[in-house]
Amino acid sequence: MCKVLCCASDDSNSQRWTCISQDHAYSSYSVVALSPHHDKLAIGNLSGKIKTIGIGSGDEVREWQAYNGKVFNLIWNKDETLFSTGPDGDLICWNVASSSRVHFPEALFKCVLPPCKHRWVTSLAVVETGVSPSGSIALVCGDRSGSVHYYCMSMDKSHHHTPIQSFHGLHGKHGVSHICTHRGLVYSAGRNGAFMQYGFCDGQLIVIEERRAIKGMEWIEQLFFTDRPEGLLVSGFHSILCFRAGKLVKSS
C-alpha cells in the first residue's frame, strides 16, 4: 500500500506526521510534485493515472486517466496549472483548478517532444515573448536528454504541438535541471555544470551566453534571482578532491 505522509508543525513547534492518502495503485511506482502554494500534491503512477490531493485535509482528491501508459513526470507551473509527461513524449497542460469530484481537469493544450532516449520533461517555464499572437502561449522546456525546446502555439487541445526550435543536447546526457525566466530573459541549467541565458529576436529563441558557476560544480540544480548585489544564486553539487588510502579520489 502506498501511503502519502504529511509533516506539520503545531503551536508548540513539535512535528507530527499525518497520513493524507493511501492507494495500492501507486505502490510500485509513483512520481510526486508539490504545488507552488504548497496546498496540493500531484501523484502519477505506472498505469497513466494522475491524482491530486489537498494537503490541508487530504479530502480534496481528484483522479483521472491521463495516459495509457506510465506517467514519467509532473511539474506545477506558477499559475498552478499542472504539466504531465507520458509515453512517446506526450506533454499535457491540465487546468486543475477547473476540476471537481464530478469533472476531470481540462487539458488546456498538448505538446509532443522530439524523439530521444529519455523523452520526458524535467523543467519548464511559460514565457512572455512580446511578439506572441493574442490567444497563444510560449513555452520553453528541458528534457532528460539535455535538450531545450521552444514552443509557440494556440490554446488548442485538438492536436499535439511540435517545437518551433530545439537545442539538442545543450546540457549534456544527464539532462536539464532547471528552466526559469527573469526580466524578459530565459535561463536554463543542467547537470553538465553550465547555465545558459536566452533572448528573443524576430520570434526566435537565441542563446546569448553560456556560463559556469565555479570550477568543480558539475551539477547545477536551480537558479535563484535576488535583489542582493550579487543578483544570482546558483545551487548545485560540487565535486571535492580528497586523498583516501594514498589515492586521489573525487566525491560529491
Protein backbone atom coordinates (compact mmCIF):
# COMPACT_ATOMS: atom_id res chain seq x y z
CA MET A 1 0.00 0.00 0.00
CA CYS A 2 1.34 3.43 -1.00
CA LYS A 3 0.94 5.99 1.79
CA VAL A 4 1.32 9.77 1.46
CA LEU A 5 2.54 11.32 4.69
CA CYS A 6 2.48 15.00 5.57
CA CYS A 7 4.70 16.51 8.27
CA ALA A 8 3.33 19.62 10.00
CA SER A 9 4.31 21.75 12.99
CA ASP A 10 1.79 22.70 15.67
CA ASP A 11 1.77 25.72 18.00
CA SER A 12 4.41 24.14 20.23
CA ASN A 13 6.74 23.72 17.20
CA SER A 14 6.61 19.95 17.55
CA GLN A 15 6.34 18.00 14.32
CA ARG A 16 3.89 15.24 13.60
CA TRP A 17 3.29 13.01 10.60
CA THR A 18 -0.21 12.51 9.21
CA CYS A 19 -1.32 10.07 6.52
CA ILE A 20 -3.35 12.04 3.98
CA SER A 21 -3.75 9.34 1.34
CA GLN A 22 -3.07 5.66 0.71
CA ASP A 23 -3.60 3.76 -2.51
CA HIS A 24 -2.25 0.39 -3.64
CA ALA A 25 -2.32 1.52 -7.30
CA TYR A 26 0.59 3.89 -6.59
CA SER A 27 2.72 1.49 -4.54
CA SER A 28 5.08 0.01 -7.15
CA TYR A 29 5.89 3.31 -8.89
CA SER A 30 4.90 6.95 -8.49
CA VAL A 31 6.09 10.46 -9.32
CA VAL A 32 5.20 13.30 -6.95
CA ALA A 33 5.04 17.10 -7.32
CA LEU A 34 4.10 19.74 -4.76
CA SER A 35 2.17 22.82 -5.94
CA PRO A 36 3.78 26.32 -5.67
CA HIS A 37 1.41 27.29 -2.82
CA HIS A 38 2.15 24.00 -1.03
CA ASP A 39 -1.56 23.22 -0.74
CA LYS A 40 -1.86 20.43 -3.32
CA LEU A 41 0.09 17.31 -4.18
CA ALA A 42 0.05 15.61 -7.58
CA ILE A 43 0.93 11.94 -7.97
CA GLY A 44 1.27 9.90 -11.16
CA ASN A 45 1.54 6.14 -11.49
CA LEU A 46 2.61 3.36 -13.82
CA SER A 47 -0.81 2.89 -15.42
CA GLY A 48 -1.19 6.52 -16.55
CA LYS A 49 -3.39 7.86 -13.75
CA ILE A 50 -2.85 11.21 -12.03
CA LYS A 51 -4.22 12.09 -8.61
CA THR A 52 -4.26 15.47 -6.85
CA ILE A 53 -4.63 15.67 -3.07
CA GLY A 54 -5.39 18.65 -0.84
CA ILE A 55 -2.57 18.94 1.69
CA GLY A 56 -4.63 20.57 4.43
CA SER A 57 -7.30 17.92 4.83
CA GLY A 58 -6.49 15.25 2.31
CA ASP A 59 -10.13 15.03 1.23
CA GLU A 60 -9.77 17.06 -1.99
CA VAL A 61 -8.90 14.00 -4.06
CA ARG A 62 -9.28 14.07 -7.84
CA GLU A 63 -8.06 11.26 -10.05
CA TRP A 64 -8.17 10.86 -13.81
CA GLN A 65 -6.75 8.68 -16.57
CA ALA A 66 -4.20 10.87 -18.35
CA TYR A 67 -2.38 8.25 -20.45
CA ASN A 68 -2.47 4.63 -21.49
CA GLY A 69 0.98 4.12 -20.00
CA LYS A 70 3.48 5.40 -17.45
CA VAL A 71 3.43 8.97 -16.15
CA PHE A 72 7.09 9.99 -16.42
CA ASN A 73 6.99 13.35 -14.66
CA LEU A 74 4.74 16.03 -13.14
CA ILE A 75 5.54 19.75 -12.93
CA TRP A 76 3.46 22.56 -11.46
CA ASN A 77 3.55 25.96 -13.15
CA LYS A 78 3.44 29.22 -11.16
CA ASP A 79 -0.26 29.69 -12.02
CA GLU A 80 -0.99 26.22 -10.53
CA THR A 81 -1.62 24.54 -13.86
CA LEU A 82 -0.13 21.05 -13.93
CA PHE A 83 2.10 19.68 -16.69
CA SER A 84 2.50 15.94 -17.16
CA THR A 85 4.67 13.86 -19.48
CA GLY A 86 3.54 10.44 -20.64
CA PRO A 87 4.63 7.84 -23.20
CA ASP A 88 6.11 9.00 -26.54
CA GLY A 89 6.91 12.48 -25.21
CA ASP A 90 3.25 13.41 -24.74
CA LEU A 91 3.22 16.67 -22.73
CA ILE A 92 -0.17 17.92 -21.46
CA CYS A 93 -1.09 21.07 -19.53
CA TRP A 94 -4.01 20.50 -17.11
CA ASN A 95 -6.28 23.13 -15.60
CA VAL A 96 -6.54 21.53 -12.18
CA ALA A 97 -8.49 24.48 -10.75
CA SER A 98 -11.45 23.66 -13.02
CA SER A 99 -11.74 20.10 -11.74
CA SER A 100 -14.13 18.68 -9.18
CA ARG A 101 -15.19 15.29 -7.94
CA VAL A 102 -17.54 15.08 -10.92
CA HIS A 103 -15.47 16.78 -13.66
CA PHE A 104 -11.91 15.83 -14.56
CA PRO A 105 -9.29 18.55 -15.08
CA GLU A 106 -9.42 20.17 -18.51
CA ALA A 107 -6.49 19.67 -20.89
CA LEU A 108 -5.58 23.22 -21.98
CA PHE A 109 -3.09 22.22 -24.68
CA LYS A 110 -0.88 19.33 -25.71
CA CYS A 111 2.69 19.16 -26.99
CA VAL A 112 4.99 16.41 -28.14
CA LEU A 113 8.72 16.17 -27.52
CA PRO A 114 11.06 15.20 -30.36
CA PRO A 115 12.19 11.56 -30.28
CA CYS A 116 15.13 10.89 -27.95
CA LYS A 117 16.35 8.28 -25.48
CA HIS A 118 14.92 9.91 -22.33
CA ARG A 119 11.77 11.54 -23.67
CA TRP A 120 10.23 13.43 -20.78
CA VAL A 121 10.24 17.00 -19.49
CA THR A 122 12.34 17.77 -16.40
CA SER A 123 11.70 21.54 -16.13
CA LEU A 124 9.71 24.22 -17.97
CA ALA A 125 8.56 27.83 -17.96
CA VAL A 126 5.72 29.69 -19.66
CA VAL A 127 7.35 32.81 -21.11
CA GLU A 128 6.42 36.26 -22.38
CA THR A 129 8.00 36.86 -25.78
CA GLY A 130 6.38 40.19 -26.57
CA VAL A 131 5.53 39.02 -30.09
CA SER A 132 3.22 36.07 -29.46
CA PRO A 133 -0.18 36.44 -31.16
CA SER A 134 -3.22 37.01 -28.99
CA GLY A 135 -4.56 33.76 -27.51
CA SER A 136 -1.23 31.96 -27.94
CA ILE A 137 1.25 30.71 -25.39
CA ALA A 138 5.03 30.38 -25.45
CA LEU A 139 6.71 27.55 -23.58
CA VAL A 140 10.35 26.66 -23.02
CA CYS A 141 11.09 23.22 -21.59
CA GLY A 142 14.07 20.98 -20.97
CA ASP A 143 14.14 17.20 -21.17
CA ARG A 144 16.02 14.35 -19.50
CA SER A 145 18.27 14.02 -22.57
CA GLY A 146 19.71 17.51 -22.04
CA SER A 147 17.83 19.31 -24.83
CA VAL A 148 15.90 22.59 -24.65
CA HIS A 149 12.73 23.10 -26.74
CA TYR A 150 10.75 26.23 -27.58
CA TYR A 151 7.01 26.09 -28.39
CA CYS A 152 4.75 28.92 -29.51
CA MET A 153 1.17 27.75 -30.00
CA SER A 154 -2.50 28.49 -29.72
CA MET A 155 -4.61 27.22 -26.83
CA ASP A 156 -5.86 24.36 -28.98
CA LYS A 157 -6.15 20.92 -27.44
CA SER A 158 -7.31 19.20 -30.63
CA HIS A 159 -3.78 18.32 -31.76
CA HIS A 160 -0.25 17.98 -30.41
CA HIS A 161 2.04 20.96 -30.99
CA THR A 162 5.66 20.40 -32.01
CA PRO A 163 8.55 22.69 -31.04
CA ILE A 164 9.47 25.50 -33.41
CA GLN A 165 13.04 25.30 -32.10
CA SER A 166 15.14 22.65 -30.37
CA PHE A 167 18.64 22.90 -28.94
CA HIS A 168 19.67 19.25 -28.83
CA GLY A 169 21.99 18.02 -26.11
CA LEU A 170 22.71 21.53 -24.85
CA HIS A 171 23.14 20.36 -21.25
CA GLY A 172 24.76 17.01 -21.89
CA LYS A 173 23.43 13.50 -21.50
CA HIS A 174 22.36 13.86 -17.86
CA GLY A 175 19.52 16.28 -18.52
CA VAL A 176 18.18 19.78 -17.93
CA SER A 177 17.58 20.51 -14.26
CA HIS A 178 16.02 23.99 -14.27
CA ILE A 179 14.24 26.45 -16.61
CA CYS A 180 13.21 29.92 -15.45
CA THR A 181 12.64 33.49 -16.62
CA HIS A 182 13.94 36.80 -15.29
CA ARG A 183 13.42 40.31 -16.69
CA GLY A 184 12.35 39.10 -20.11
CA LEU A 185 15.17 36.58 -20.49
CA VAL A 186 15.09 32.79 -20.26
CA TYR A 187 17.62 30.73 -18.32
CA SER A 188 18.35 27.01 -18.32
CA ALA A 189 20.64 24.97 -16.08
CA GLY A 190 21.78 21.41 -16.35
CA ARG A 191 23.68 18.51 -14.89
CA ASN A 192 26.69 19.41 -17.04
CA GLY A 193 27.56 22.28 -14.69
CA ALA A 194 26.52 25.05 -17.08
CA PHE A 195 23.68 27.54 -17.24
CA MET A 196 22.51 29.36 -20.37
CA GLN A 197 20.92 32.75 -20.99
CA TYR A 198 18.47 33.20 -23.88
CA GLY A 199 16.66 36.11 -25.50
CA PHE A 200 14.10 36.57 -28.25
CA CYS A 201 14.76 38.02 -31.70
CA ASP A 202 12.19 38.04 -34.53
CA GLY A 203 10.16 35.37 -32.78
CA GLN A 204 13.14 33.07 -32.35
CA LEU A 205 14.82 31.94 -29.15
CA ILE A 206 18.54 32.71 -29.29
CA VAL A 207 21.39 31.73 -26.98
CA ILE A 208 23.05 34.85 -25.54
CA GLU A 209 25.59 33.37 -23.16
CA GLU A 210 26.81 30.17 -21.56
CA ARG A 211 28.31 30.35 -18.09
CA ARG A 212 29.58 28.07 -15.35
CA ALA A 213 29.27 28.79 -11.65
CA ILE A 214 32.59 27.72 -10.16
CA LYS A 215 35.19 25.14 -11.02
CA GLY A 216 34.15 21.69 -9.84
CA MET A 217 30.37 22.31 -9.77
CA GLU A 218 29.34 19.55 -12.13
CA TRP A 219 25.60 19.61 -11.49
CA ILE A 220 23.53 22.80 -11.24
CA GLU A 221 20.16 22.15 -9.63
CA GLN A 222 18.49 25.58 -9.56
CA LEU A 223 18.98 29.30 -10.21
CA PHE A 224 17.70 31.95 -7.79
CA PHE A 225 17.44 35.63 -8.74
CA THR A 226 17.56 38.05 -5.82
CA ASP A 227 17.61 41.79 -5.13
CA ARG A 228 21.01 41.46 -3.47
CA PRO A 229 24.12 42.93 -5.16
CA GLU A 230 25.26 39.55 -6.49
CA GLY A 231 21.87 39.14 -8.18
CA LEU A 232 22.07 35.42 -8.97
CA LEU A 233 22.47 32.48 -6.62
CA VAL A 234 23.33 29.07 -8.03
CA SER A 235 22.66 25.84 -6.15
CA GLY A 236 24.10 22.51 -7.15
CA PHE A 237 26.58 19.76 -6.38
CA HIS A 238 30.29 20.44 -6.13
CA SER A 239 32.96 17.79 -6.53
CA ILE A 240 35.57 17.52 -3.78
CA LEU A 241 39.10 16.25 -4.26
CA CYS A 242 40.49 14.32 -1.31
CA PHE A 243 43.10 11.70 -0.52
CA ARG A 244 41.97 8.30 0.68
CA ALA A 245 44.28 5.32 1.24
CA GLY A 246 47.05 7.13 -0.65
CA LYS A 247 44.92 7.67 -3.78
CA LEU A 248 43.36 10.81 -5.19
CA VAL A 249 39.59 10.29 -5.43
CA LYS A 250 36.66 12.50 -6.29
CA SER A 251 33.42 12.65 -4.30
CA SER A 252 30.39 14.94 -4.20
